[in-house]
Protein backbone atom coordinates (compact mmCIF):
# COMPACT_ATOMS: atom_id res chain seq x y z
CA MET A 1 64.45 -155.82 147.25
CA THR A 2 61.79 -158.36 148.19
CA ALA A 3 58.05 -157.83 147.94
CA ALA A 4 58.10 -156.95 151.64
CA ALA A 5 60.22 -153.86 150.98
CA GLY A 6 59.93 -150.73 148.90
CA LYS A 7 62.28 -149.65 146.13
CA ILE A 8 65.50 -147.85 147.04
CA HIS A 9 66.63 -144.92 144.86
CA ILE A 10 70.11 -143.53 145.49
CA GLY A 11 71.89 -140.60 143.90
CA ILE A 12 73.53 -137.21 144.23
CA GLY A 13 72.57 -133.54 144.05
CA GLY A 14 72.78 -132.24 140.50
CA TRP A 15 75.12 -133.52 137.81
CA VAL A 16 77.16 -130.45 136.77
CA PHE A 17 80.23 -130.07 139.01
CA GLU A 18 83.63 -129.39 137.46
CA PRO A 19 85.69 -131.52 139.95
CA TRP A 20 83.66 -134.58 138.91
CA ARG A 21 85.24 -134.37 135.45
CA GLY A 22 88.01 -136.93 135.54
CA ALA A 23 87.07 -138.15 139.04
CA PHE A 24 83.60 -139.40 138.07
CA TYR A 25 83.05 -138.47 134.45
CA PRO A 26 85.55 -139.96 131.99
CA ASP A 27 88.10 -137.57 130.53
CA GLY A 28 86.83 -136.08 127.32
CA LEU A 29 83.14 -136.75 127.97
CA PRO A 30 81.15 -133.85 126.47
CA GLN A 31 79.31 -131.85 129.11
CA LYS A 32 76.02 -132.37 127.29
CA ARG A 33 76.36 -136.12 127.96
CA GLU A 34 77.07 -135.84 131.69
CA LEU A 35 73.47 -136.46 132.74
CA GLU A 36 73.29 -139.51 130.49
CA TYR A 37 76.48 -140.87 132.04
CA ALA A 38 75.47 -140.10 135.63
CA ALA A 39 72.09 -141.75 135.11
CA SER A 40 73.83 -144.90 133.86
CA LYS A 41 75.66 -145.20 137.21
CA LEU A 42 73.02 -143.94 139.65
CA THR A 43 69.31 -144.56 140.15
CA SER A 44 68.22 -141.01 141.00
CA ILE A 45 69.36 -137.38 141.05
CA GLU A 46 68.07 -134.45 143.07
CA ILE A 47 67.73 -131.47 140.73
CA ASN A 48 69.10 -128.34 142.42
CA GLY A 49 68.46 -125.79 139.68
CA THR A 50 64.74 -125.74 140.38
CA TYR A 51 65.48 -124.18 143.77
CA TYR A 52 67.23 -121.16 142.32
CA GLY A 53 65.12 -120.40 139.24
CA SER A 54 62.44 -121.53 136.82
CA GLN A 55 63.19 -124.31 134.35
CA LYS A 56 61.56 -124.77 130.96
CA PRO A 57 59.19 -127.64 130.09
CA GLU A 58 61.62 -128.53 127.29
CA SER A 59 64.37 -129.04 129.84
CA PHE A 60 62.30 -131.46 131.92
CA ALA A 61 61.38 -133.37 128.76
CA ARG A 62 65.02 -133.55 127.67
CA TRP A 63 66.14 -134.82 131.08
CA ARG A 64 63.46 -137.49 130.89
CA GLU A 65 64.67 -138.60 127.46
CA GLU A 66 68.34 -138.70 128.47
CA THR A 67 67.84 -141.11 131.38
CA PRO A 68 66.91 -144.82 131.70
CA ALA A 69 63.29 -145.91 131.98
CA ASP A 70 63.50 -146.67 135.71
CA PHE A 71 65.40 -143.49 136.65
CA VAL A 72 63.77 -141.00 139.03
CA PHE A 73 64.38 -137.31 139.69
CA ALA A 74 63.71 -135.51 142.94
CA LEU A 75 63.21 -131.76 142.61
CA LYS A 76 64.00 -128.96 145.01
CA GLY A 77 61.03 -126.62 145.28
CA SER A 78 61.59 -122.97 144.47
CA ARG A 79 63.21 -120.89 147.21
CA PHE A 80 60.59 -118.22 146.54
CA CYS A 81 58.03 -120.60 148.07
CA THR A 82 59.88 -121.32 151.30
CA ASN A 83 62.19 -118.37 152.02
CA ARG A 84 59.46 -116.05 153.29
CA ARG A 85 58.19 -114.79 156.61
CA VAL A 86 54.55 -115.81 156.06
CA LEU A 87 54.28 -119.22 154.40
CA ALA A 88 50.53 -118.88 153.99
CA GLU A 89 51.24 -116.24 151.32
CA ALA A 90 53.29 -118.63 149.16
CA GLY A 91 50.34 -119.74 147.01
CA PRO A 92 51.25 -117.83 143.82
CA SER A 93 54.88 -118.95 144.05
CA VAL A 94 53.89 -122.59 144.60
CA GLU A 95 51.52 -122.42 141.64
CA LYS A 96 54.21 -120.87 139.44
CA PHE A 97 56.69 -123.58 140.37
CA LEU A 98 54.26 -126.43 139.82
CA SER A 99 53.19 -125.02 136.43
CA SER A 100 56.77 -124.74 135.15
CA GLY A 101 56.60 -128.04 133.27
CA LEU A 102 57.88 -130.53 135.82
CA THR A 103 55.21 -133.07 134.83
CA GLU A 104 57.16 -133.43 131.57
CA LEU A 105 59.30 -135.81 133.62
CA LYS A 106 56.23 -138.12 133.60
CA GLN A 107 56.94 -141.42 135.38
CA LYS A 108 60.40 -140.14 136.35
CA LEU A 109 59.00 -137.44 138.62
CA GLY A 110 59.97 -138.27 142.19
CA PRO A 111 59.40 -136.29 145.40
CA ILE A 112 59.67 -132.53 145.75
CA ASN A 113 62.00 -131.22 148.45
CA TRP A 114 60.67 -128.02 150.02
CA GLN A 115 63.78 -126.77 151.84
CA PHE A 116 63.61 -124.13 154.57
CA MET A 117 66.28 -121.80 155.89
CA PRO A 118 67.94 -122.64 159.24
CA THR A 119 66.38 -119.47 160.67
CA LYS A 120 62.81 -120.55 159.86
CA ARG A 121 60.96 -121.47 163.08
CA PHE A 122 57.99 -123.78 163.44
CA ASP A 123 54.71 -121.87 163.51
CA PRO A 124 52.04 -124.63 163.54
CA ASP A 125 49.24 -122.58 161.97
CA ASP A 126 51.37 -120.98 159.29
CA PHE A 127 53.15 -124.23 158.44
CA GLU A 128 49.84 -126.03 158.09
CA ALA A 129 48.70 -123.24 155.78
CA PHE A 130 51.75 -123.99 153.63
CA LEU A 131 51.00 -127.72 153.58
CA ARG A 132 47.49 -126.93 152.36
CA LEU A 133 49.04 -125.24 149.33
CA LEU A 134 50.68 -128.49 148.16
CA PRO A 135 48.37 -130.42 145.83
CA LYS A 136 48.29 -134.20 145.93
CA GLU A 137 48.21 -134.44 142.14
CA LEU A 138 49.02 -132.38 139.07
CA ASP A 139 48.04 -133.07 135.47
CA GLY A 140 46.74 -136.47 136.57
CA MET A 141 50.04 -137.37 138.27
CA THR A 142 50.45 -138.06 141.98
CA LEU A 143 52.76 -135.61 143.72
CA ARG A 144 54.98 -136.56 146.65
CA HIS A 145 56.03 -133.73 148.94
CA ALA A 146 58.84 -133.64 151.50
CA VAL A 147 60.04 -130.83 153.77
CA GLU A 148 63.58 -130.17 154.88
CA VAL A 149 63.52 -128.09 158.06
CA ARG A 150 66.64 -126.90 159.81
CA HIS A 151 65.54 -125.23 163.04
CA ASP A 152 65.24 -127.12 166.33
CA SER A 153 61.76 -125.69 166.93
CA PHE A 154 60.53 -128.30 164.44
CA ARG A 155 61.58 -131.06 166.81
CA SER A 156 58.01 -131.18 168.09
CA PRO A 157 55.46 -134.02 168.16
CA ASP A 158 52.99 -131.46 166.79
CA PHE A 159 55.12 -131.08 163.67
CA ILE A 160 55.27 -134.84 163.18
CA ALA A 161 51.50 -135.16 163.62
CA LEU A 162 50.95 -132.42 161.06
CA LEU A 163 53.14 -134.11 158.47
CA ARG A 164 51.40 -137.44 159.00
CA GLU A 165 48.02 -135.78 158.59
CA TYR A 166 49.04 -134.39 155.20
CA GLY A 167 51.16 -137.36 154.08
CA VAL A 168 54.29 -135.23 153.73
CA ALA A 169 57.75 -136.67 154.44
CA ALA A 170 60.16 -135.18 156.96
CA ILE A 171 63.53 -135.21 155.22
CA THR A 172 66.22 -136.86 157.30
CA SER A 173 69.37 -134.73 157.24
CA ALA A 174 72.34 -136.71 158.49
CA ASP A 175 76.08 -136.45 159.11
CA ALA A 176 75.82 -132.66 159.35
CA ASP A 177 75.01 -130.00 161.92
CA TYR A 178 71.44 -129.59 160.70
CA THR A 179 68.45 -130.56 162.81
CA GLN A 180 67.77 -134.28 162.41
CA ILE A 181 64.21 -135.61 162.24
CA ALA A 182 64.02 -139.24 161.17
CA ASP A 183 60.33 -139.89 161.87
CA VAL A 184 58.52 -141.73 159.08
CA THR A 185 55.57 -139.50 158.19
CA ALA A 186 54.69 -140.37 154.59
CA PRO A 187 54.34 -143.35 152.24
CA PHE A 188 58.00 -142.81 151.24
CA VAL A 189 61.28 -141.83 152.93
CA TYR A 190 63.61 -139.02 151.83
CA ALA A 191 67.13 -138.77 153.26
CA ARG A 192 70.10 -136.51 152.54
CA ILE A 193 73.45 -137.66 153.93
CA MET A 194 76.28 -135.13 154.07
CA GLY A 195 79.28 -136.83 155.62
CA THR A 196 81.56 -137.77 152.73
CA LYS A 197 85.28 -137.11 153.08
CA GLU A 198 87.52 -136.27 150.15
CA LEU A 199 90.30 -138.48 151.56
CA GLU A 200 87.98 -141.52 151.50
CA PRO A 201 88.08 -143.05 147.99
CA LYS A 202 84.46 -144.17 148.36
CA GLY A 203 83.39 -141.03 150.21
CA TYR A 204 82.56 -142.90 153.42
CA SER A 205 84.48 -145.51 155.37
CA GLU A 206 83.43 -149.14 155.02
CA ALA A 207 81.58 -148.86 158.34
CA GLY A 208 79.82 -145.70 157.18
CA LEU A 209 78.75 -147.30 153.92
CA ASP A 210 77.46 -150.37 155.77
CA ARG A 211 75.53 -148.13 158.14
CA TRP A 212 73.70 -146.29 155.36
CA ALA A 213 73.05 -149.42 153.33
CA LYS A 214 71.44 -150.99 156.41
CA ALA A 215 69.48 -147.79 157.02
CA ALA A 216 68.12 -147.82 153.48
CA HIS A 217 66.99 -151.42 153.87
CA ALA A 218 65.35 -150.63 157.21
CA TRP A 219 63.44 -147.69 155.74
CA ALA A 220 62.36 -149.78 152.75
CA ARG A 221 60.89 -152.36 155.14
CA GLY A 222 59.01 -149.61 157.00
CA SER A 223 61.13 -149.26 160.14
CA VAL A 224 63.34 -146.46 161.47
CA PRO A 225 67.08 -147.26 161.40
CA GLU A 226 68.94 -147.43 164.68
CA GLY A 227 70.92 -144.39 165.73
CA LEU A 228 68.71 -141.75 164.14
CA ASP A 229 66.69 -139.18 166.07
CA ILE A 230 62.91 -139.38 166.06
CA VAL A 231 60.68 -136.77 167.63
CA GLY A 232 57.13 -138.11 167.73
CA PRO A 233 55.66 -141.46 168.72
CA ALA A 234 56.73 -144.46 166.69
CA THR A 235 54.20 -145.73 164.19
CA LYS A 236 53.71 -149.06 162.48
CA ALA A 237 54.69 -148.78 158.87
CA GLY A 238 54.56 -150.96 155.81
CA LYS A 239 57.12 -151.04 153.03
CA ARG A 240 58.17 -147.68 151.64
CA ASP A 241 60.12 -146.41 148.66
CA VAL A 242 63.35 -144.73 149.73
CA PHE A 243 65.06 -141.72 148.14
CA LEU A 244 68.59 -141.26 149.50
CA TYR A 245 70.96 -138.57 148.23
CA VAL A 246 74.64 -138.07 149.01
CA ILE A 247 74.96 -134.30 149.35
CA SER A 248 77.63 -131.72 150.29
CA GLY A 249 80.53 -133.02 152.41
CA GLY A 250 83.54 -134.05 150.33
CA LYS A 251 81.48 -133.45 147.21
CA VAL A 252 84.00 -134.82 144.73
CA ARG A 253 83.46 -138.26 146.34
CA ASN A 254 79.66 -138.17 146.40
CA PRO A 255 79.15 -140.14 143.17
CA ALA A 256 81.52 -142.86 144.42
CA ALA A 257 79.61 -143.10 147.71
CA ALA A 258 76.26 -143.26 145.91
CA MET A 259 77.45 -145.99 143.55
CA GLU A 260 78.82 -148.03 146.44
CA LEU A 261 75.52 -147.71 148.33
CA ILE A 262 73.62 -148.81 145.23
CA ALA A 263 75.81 -151.91 145.03
CA ARG A 264 75.33 -152.68 148.73
CA THR A 265 71.57 -152.27 148.68
CA ARG A 266 71.10 -154.54 145.69
CA VAL A 267 72.20 -157.64 147.61
């Protein structure tokens, strides 16, 4: 990327998936070396385990040590923070999650994905109360927060204005039935693409791969890619770091799609 564009990080969700053994991981590779191998082929991974339960500081430190110096992890925030009727009451759960040792990732700590259920509706006051619970730094490290909302009630200019006020990214969900919000609302962009097909050797067709490579470049330059839905008014934006993850879909092909997108965005 040039100085006029941010850095593009591309990866997958998690690294433990049995069908990847032989398809992505070499035959005979010990499971304990799968993260090391995945990190040698990708530039980022979204950690899923943090959504389902607490991790130990020692685990975060080990993941940091097993990956290259320029590797970055995104984390999914705990479901106990987001899967609740009243978000304003999530303070203790947010504090517990943030104190679980994630800063042991140090410079490899990327954005946190706070994912909401498809049934969760937009309540402006309650959602703002949740955003107030998200600190901008922890242990002297800057935190980057992103929200993944899946109900059409969030397709509101008021929601976009709220995210911009707090510097929180709206996660762009694409190639799926989930609500799509591609507005740029933070100093970085977070996207999750879910359209891989198992019959496609590279996960996506050539046209699909070209589309997402171009989208990543557009985001990195500060613009919104063509063909994506925005809700609020457009805003002028400078360069932004991009975090793009190939998720769900024909999952066995997700590493292949991520690697191909890395190759296409490096030129």
